[in-house]
Amino acid sequence: MAETITRKMNFTGVLTGQDVRTKRNLKDMSFLYVSVLAAFAIVLIFFAFLWTRLMVVNIGYEISRANTARANLIEQNKRLRVEFMQLKSPERIEKIATGELGLVNPTGEQIITIK
């Protein structure tokens, strides 16, 4: 096969078996298109990576704010439970009933048992 190529091309046989490269056609823009497409893909991947990292950081900040708000609500709940227990204590209720409302403990004749 190499002999037929050299006969048709009028080579003397010196280049037989050697890898001969031809100059790239400068008007062929396929290399440029592939290069631009590859660069665009790399930039797109970089921006996608950057966007995901920013989203992870922002979500981390949101989680931190939510944890802080949760801790504040838990603390407020504890304070409200203590206040509730103080407000419903029998000693406080008896003090208000006798002092502000003028109520007295019932005597034995005032108690009616229902069967």
N, C-alpha and C. Protein backbone atom coordinates (compact mmCIF):
# COMPACT_ATOMS: atom_id res chain seq x y z
N MET A 1 0.82 -1.18 0.00
CA MET A 1 0.00 0.00 0.00
C MET A 1 0.86 1.24 0.00
N ALA A 2 1.95 1.21 0.75
CA ALA A 2 2.83 2.38 0.78
C ALA A 2 3.45 2.62 -0.57
N GLU A 3 3.69 1.58 -1.30
CA GLU A 3 4.30 1.75 -2.62
C GLU A 3 3.35 2.43 -3.58
N THR A 4 2.07 2.12 -3.51
CA THR A 4 1.12 2.75 -4.42
C THR A 4 0.98 4.23 -4.11
N ILE A 5 1.04 4.58 -2.84
CA ILE A 5 0.94 6.00 -2.48
C ILE A 5 2.17 6.74 -2.97
N THR A 6 3.34 6.14 -2.80
CA THR A 6 4.55 6.85 -3.23
C THR A 6 4.60 6.96 -4.74
N ARG A 7 4.07 6.01 -5.48
CA ARG A 7 4.07 6.11 -6.94
C ARG A 7 3.11 7.20 -7.40
N LYS A 8 1.95 7.27 -6.77
CA LYS A 8 1.00 8.29 -7.19
C LYS A 8 1.48 9.68 -6.83
N MET A 9 2.16 9.82 -5.72
CA MET A 9 2.60 11.13 -5.27
C MET A 9 3.98 11.48 -5.81
N ASN A 10 4.59 10.58 -6.53
CA ASN A 10 5.93 10.78 -7.10
C ASN A 10 6.99 11.00 -6.03
N PHE A 11 6.87 10.33 -4.89
CA PHE A 11 7.92 10.37 -3.88
C PHE A 11 8.97 9.36 -4.25
N THR A 12 10.16 9.60 -3.89
CA THR A 12 11.25 8.71 -4.24
C THR A 12 11.40 7.56 -3.27
N GLY A 13 10.60 7.50 -2.24
CA GLY A 13 10.69 6.40 -1.29
C GLY A 13 11.38 6.79 -0.01
N VAL A 14 11.85 8.00 0.10
CA VAL A 14 12.54 8.42 1.31
C VAL A 14 11.58 8.54 2.48
N LEU A 15 10.34 8.98 2.22
CA LEU A 15 9.38 9.22 3.29
C LEU A 15 8.50 8.00 3.57
N THR A 16 8.77 6.89 2.93
CA THR A 16 7.96 5.70 3.14
C THR A 16 8.14 5.22 4.58
N GLY A 17 6.99 5.01 5.27
CA GLY A 17 7.03 4.53 6.65
C GLY A 17 7.19 5.62 7.68
N GLN A 18 7.37 6.84 7.27
CA GLN A 18 7.50 7.94 8.22
C GLN A 18 6.16 8.65 8.37
N ASP A 19 5.96 9.21 9.52
CA ASP A 19 4.73 9.97 9.77
C ASP A 19 4.95 11.38 9.26
N VAL A 20 4.23 11.73 8.24
CA VAL A 20 4.37 13.05 7.63
C VAL A 20 3.15 13.87 8.02
N ARG A 21 3.40 15.02 8.57
CA ARG A 21 2.29 15.89 8.97
C ARG A 21 2.12 16.99 7.94
N THR A 22 0.89 17.31 7.73
CA THR A 22 0.62 18.43 6.84
C THR A 22 0.30 19.64 7.67
N LYS A 23 0.48 20.79 7.13
CA LYS A 23 0.15 22.02 7.85
C LYS A 23 -1.36 22.10 8.01
N ARG A 24 -1.76 22.62 9.18
CA ARG A 24 -3.18 22.79 9.44
C ARG A 24 -3.69 23.95 8.61
N ASN A 25 -4.85 23.75 8.05
CA ASN A 25 -5.47 24.80 7.26
C ASN A 25 -5.92 25.91 8.21
N LEU A 26 -5.43 27.11 8.03
CA LEU A 26 -5.77 28.21 8.91
C LEU A 26 -7.22 28.65 8.77
N LYS A 27 -7.83 28.32 7.68
CA LYS A 27 -9.24 28.68 7.50
C LYS A 27 -10.17 27.68 8.17
N ASP A 28 -9.65 26.56 8.60
CA ASP A 28 -10.45 25.56 9.31
C ASP A 28 -10.61 26.04 10.75
N MET A 29 -11.82 26.43 11.15
CA MET A 29 -12.07 27.03 12.46
C MET A 29 -12.60 26.01 13.48
N SER A 30 -12.59 24.73 13.14
CA SER A 30 -13.14 23.73 14.07
C SER A 30 -12.34 23.69 15.36
N PHE A 31 -11.02 23.84 15.30
CA PHE A 31 -10.20 23.85 16.51
C PHE A 31 -10.59 25.04 17.39
N LEU A 32 -10.82 26.18 16.81
CA LEU A 32 -11.22 27.37 17.56
C LEU A 32 -12.58 27.15 18.21
N TYR A 33 -13.51 26.57 17.47
CA TYR A 33 -14.84 26.32 18.03
C TYR A 33 -14.77 25.35 19.20
N VAL A 34 -13.99 24.32 19.04
CA VAL A 34 -13.86 23.33 20.13
C VAL A 34 -13.18 23.98 21.33
N SER A 35 -12.18 24.80 21.10
CA SER A 35 -11.48 25.47 22.20
C SER A 35 -12.41 26.42 22.94
N VAL A 36 -13.17 27.21 22.20
CA VAL A 36 -14.11 28.14 22.84
C VAL A 36 -15.18 27.38 23.60
N LEU A 37 -15.69 26.32 23.02
CA LEU A 37 -16.70 25.50 23.69
C LEU A 37 -16.14 24.88 24.97
N ALA A 38 -14.92 24.38 24.91
CA ALA A 38 -14.29 23.79 26.11
C ALA A 38 -14.08 24.85 27.18
N ALA A 39 -13.61 26.04 26.79
CA ALA A 39 -13.40 27.13 27.75
C ALA A 39 -14.73 27.55 28.37
N PHE A 40 -15.76 27.64 27.56
CA PHE A 40 -17.09 27.99 28.06
C PHE A 40 -17.58 26.94 29.05
N ALA A 41 -17.37 25.68 28.73
CA ALA A 41 -17.79 24.60 29.63
C ALA A 41 -17.04 24.67 30.96
N ILE A 42 -15.75 24.95 30.89
CA ILE A 42 -14.95 25.06 32.12
C ILE A 42 -15.42 26.23 32.97
N VAL A 43 -15.68 27.37 32.34
CA VAL A 43 -16.16 28.54 33.07
C VAL A 43 -17.54 28.26 33.66
N LEU A 44 -18.39 27.59 32.91
CA LEU A 44 -19.72 27.25 33.40
C LEU A 44 -19.63 26.31 34.60
N ILE A 45 -18.77 25.33 34.54
CA ILE A 45 -18.58 24.41 35.66
C ILE A 45 -18.03 25.15 36.87
N PHE A 46 -17.09 26.08 36.64
CA PHE A 46 -16.54 26.87 37.74
C PHE A 46 -17.62 27.71 38.41
N PHE A 47 -18.47 28.37 37.61
CA PHE A 47 -19.53 29.18 38.19
C PHE A 47 -20.56 28.31 38.91
N ALA A 48 -20.84 27.14 38.40
CA ALA A 48 -21.76 26.23 39.08
C ALA A 48 -21.18 25.81 40.43
N PHE A 49 -19.89 25.50 40.46
CA PHE A 49 -19.24 25.14 41.71
C PHE A 49 -19.26 26.31 42.68
N LEU A 50 -18.96 27.51 42.19
CA LEU A 50 -18.95 28.70 43.04
C LEU A 50 -20.35 28.97 43.59
N TRP A 51 -21.37 28.81 42.75
CA TRP A 51 -22.75 29.04 43.19
C TRP A 51 -23.13 28.05 44.28
N THR A 52 -22.76 26.78 44.11
CA THR A 52 -23.11 25.79 45.13
C THR A 52 -22.39 26.08 46.44
N ARG A 53 -21.15 26.52 46.37
CA ARG A 53 -20.42 26.85 47.60
C ARG A 53 -21.08 28.03 48.31
N LEU A 54 -21.49 29.04 47.55
CA LEU A 54 -22.17 30.19 48.15
C LEU A 54 -23.49 29.78 48.77
N MET A 55 -24.20 28.87 48.12
CA MET A 55 -25.46 28.40 48.69
C MET A 55 -25.22 27.63 49.98
N VAL A 56 -24.17 26.83 50.03
CA VAL A 56 -23.85 26.08 51.25
C VAL A 56 -23.52 27.05 52.39
N VAL A 57 -22.75 28.09 52.09
CA VAL A 57 -22.41 29.08 53.13
C VAL A 57 -23.67 29.80 53.60
N ASN A 58 -24.52 30.22 52.67
CA ASN A 58 -25.74 30.93 53.05
C ASN A 58 -26.67 30.04 53.87
N ILE A 59 -26.79 28.79 53.50
CA ILE A 59 -27.63 27.87 54.26
C ILE A 59 -27.02 27.63 55.64
N GLY A 60 -25.70 27.61 55.73
CA GLY A 60 -25.05 27.49 57.03
C GLY A 60 -25.38 28.67 57.93
N TYR A 61 -25.37 29.88 57.36
CA TYR A 61 -25.75 31.06 58.14
C TYR A 61 -27.22 30.99 58.56
N GLU A 62 -28.08 30.53 57.68
CA GLU A 62 -29.49 30.40 58.03
C GLU A 62 -29.69 29.39 59.15
N ILE A 63 -28.97 28.28 59.10
CA ILE A 63 -29.05 27.27 60.16
C ILE A 63 -28.57 27.86 61.48
N SER A 64 -27.50 28.64 61.42
CA SER A 64 -26.98 29.27 62.64
C SER A 64 -28.00 30.23 63.23
N ARG A 65 -28.63 31.05 62.36
CA ARG A 65 -29.66 31.98 62.86
C ARG A 65 -30.85 31.22 63.43
N ALA A 66 -31.25 30.12 62.78
CA ALA A 66 -32.37 29.33 63.27
C ALA A 66 -32.04 28.69 64.62
N ASN A 67 -30.81 28.22 64.79
CA ASN A 67 -30.41 27.64 66.07
C ASN A 67 -30.40 28.68 67.17
N THR A 68 -29.95 29.90 66.84
CA THR A 68 -29.96 30.99 67.82
C THR A 68 -31.39 31.35 68.21
N ALA A 69 -32.27 31.45 67.21
CA ALA A 69 -33.67 31.75 67.49
C ALA A 69 -34.30 30.64 68.32
N ARG A 70 -33.95 29.40 68.02
CA ARG A 70 -34.48 28.26 68.78
C ARG A 70 -34.04 28.32 70.24
N ALA A 71 -32.75 28.63 70.44
CA ALA A 71 -32.23 28.73 71.81
C ALA A 71 -32.95 29.86 72.56
N ASN A 72 -33.18 30.99 71.88
CA ASN A 72 -33.90 32.10 72.52
C ASN A 72 -35.33 31.71 72.87
N LEU A 73 -35.99 30.99 71.97
CA LEU A 73 -37.37 30.55 72.25
C LEU A 73 -37.41 29.54 73.39
N ILE A 74 -36.43 28.67 73.47
CA ILE A 74 -36.39 27.70 74.58
C ILE A 74 -36.20 28.43 75.90
N GLU A 75 -35.33 29.44 75.91
CA GLU A 75 -35.11 30.23 77.12
C GLU A 75 -36.37 30.99 77.52
N GLN A 76 -37.04 31.58 76.53
CA GLN A 76 -38.29 32.29 76.80
C GLN A 76 -39.36 31.34 77.32
N ASN A 77 -39.41 30.13 76.76
CA ASN A 77 -40.37 29.13 77.23
C ASN A 77 -40.11 28.76 78.69
N LYS A 78 -38.84 28.63 79.04
CA LYS A 78 -38.50 28.31 80.44
C LYS A 78 -38.94 29.43 81.38
N ARG A 79 -38.69 30.69 80.96
CA ARG A 79 -39.09 31.83 81.79
C ARG A 79 -40.61 31.88 81.94
N LEU A 80 -41.33 31.62 80.84
CA LEU A 80 -42.78 31.66 80.90
C LEU A 80 -43.34 30.53 81.77
N ARG A 81 -42.71 29.37 81.74
CA ARG A 81 -43.17 28.25 82.60
C ARG A 81 -42.98 28.59 84.08
N VAL A 82 -41.83 29.22 84.38
CA VAL A 82 -41.58 29.62 85.78
C VAL A 82 -42.61 30.66 86.21
N GLU A 83 -42.88 31.63 85.34
CA GLU A 83 -43.88 32.65 85.65
C GLU A 83 -45.27 32.03 85.81
N PHE A 84 -45.59 31.08 84.95
CA PHE A 84 -46.89 30.40 85.04
C PHE A 84 -47.02 29.65 86.36
N MET A 85 -45.96 28.96 86.76
CA MET A 85 -46.00 28.22 88.02
C MET A 85 -46.15 29.17 89.20
N GLN A 86 -45.49 30.34 89.12
CA GLN A 86 -45.64 31.32 90.20
C GLN A 86 -47.05 31.88 90.24
N LEU A 87 -47.64 32.13 89.07
CA LEU A 87 -48.98 32.71 89.03
C LEU A 87 -50.05 31.74 89.49
N LYS A 88 -49.88 30.46 89.29
CA LYS A 88 -50.92 29.50 89.68
C LYS A 88 -50.64 28.84 91.04
N SER A 89 -49.67 29.33 91.77
CA SER A 89 -49.38 28.73 93.08
C SER A 89 -50.54 28.99 94.04
N PRO A 90 -50.89 28.00 94.84
CA PRO A 90 -52.03 28.14 95.77
C PRO A 90 -51.82 29.26 96.79
N GLU A 91 -50.59 29.49 97.21
CA GLU A 91 -50.32 30.56 98.18
C GLU A 91 -50.66 31.91 97.59
N ARG A 92 -50.30 32.14 96.35
CA ARG A 92 -50.59 33.42 95.68
C ARG A 92 -52.09 33.60 95.49
N ILE A 93 -52.76 32.53 95.06
CA ILE A 93 -54.20 32.61 94.84
C ILE A 93 -54.93 32.89 96.16
N GLU A 94 -54.52 32.21 97.25
CA GLU A 94 -55.14 32.45 98.56
C GLU A 94 -54.89 33.86 99.04
N LYS A 95 -53.70 34.39 98.80
CA LYS A 95 -53.36 35.75 99.21
C LYS A 95 -54.24 36.76 98.47
N ILE A 96 -54.44 36.57 97.18
CA ILE A 96 -55.28 37.48 96.39
C ILE A 96 -56.74 37.35 96.84
N ALA A 97 -57.20 36.12 97.10
CA ALA A 97 -58.59 35.90 97.49
C ALA A 97 -58.89 36.54 98.84
N THR A 98 -58.01 36.40 99.78
CA THR A 98 -58.27 36.98 101.11
C THR A 98 -57.98 38.46 101.15
N GLY A 99 -56.91 38.90 100.50
CA GLY A 99 -56.52 40.32 100.59
C GLY A 99 -57.32 41.23 99.69
N GLU A 100 -57.37 40.95 98.40
CA GLU A 100 -57.99 41.86 97.44
C GLU A 100 -59.49 41.63 97.30
N LEU A 101 -59.92 40.37 97.38
CA LEU A 101 -61.32 40.06 97.15
C LEU A 101 -62.13 39.93 98.45
N GLY A 102 -61.47 39.83 99.56
CA GLY A 102 -62.15 39.75 100.86
C GLY A 102 -62.82 38.42 101.11
N LEU A 103 -62.38 37.38 100.53
CA LEU A 103 -62.96 36.06 100.75
C LEU A 103 -62.37 35.45 102.02
N VAL A 104 -63.15 34.58 102.68
CA VAL A 104 -62.69 33.90 103.89
C VAL A 104 -62.90 32.41 103.70
N ASN A 105 -62.23 31.62 104.51
CA ASN A 105 -62.41 30.17 104.47
C ASN A 105 -63.79 29.84 105.00
N PRO A 106 -64.47 28.90 104.40
CA PRO A 106 -65.83 28.57 104.86
C PRO A 106 -65.80 27.85 106.21
N THR A 107 -66.87 28.09 106.97
CA THR A 107 -67.01 27.39 108.25
C THR A 107 -67.71 26.06 107.98
N GLY A 108 -67.84 25.25 108.98
CA GLY A 108 -68.43 23.92 108.83
C GLY A 108 -69.89 23.98 108.41
N GLU A 109 -70.66 25.03 108.87
CA GLU A 109 -72.07 25.12 108.53
C GLU A 109 -72.25 25.55 107.07
N GLN A 110 -71.27 26.20 106.49
CA GLN A 110 -71.40 26.68 105.14
C GLN A 110 -71.09 25.61 104.08
N ILE A 111 -70.53 24.54 104.50
CA ILE A 111 -70.15 23.47 103.55
C ILE A 111 -71.34 22.53 103.39
N ILE A 112 -71.75 22.30 102.16
CA ILE A 112 -72.84 21.39 101.84
C ILE A 112 -72.26 20.25 101.00
N THR A 113 -72.48 19.05 101.46
CA THR A 113 -72.00 17.90 100.70
C THR A 113 -73.14 17.37 99.84
N ILE A 114 -72.86 17.06 98.62
CA ILE A 114 -73.86 16.56 97.69
C ILE A 114 -73.57 15.10 97.44
N LYS A 115 -74.65 14.29 97.58
CA LYS A 115 -74.46 12.86 97.39
C LYS A 115 -74.95 12.45 96.03
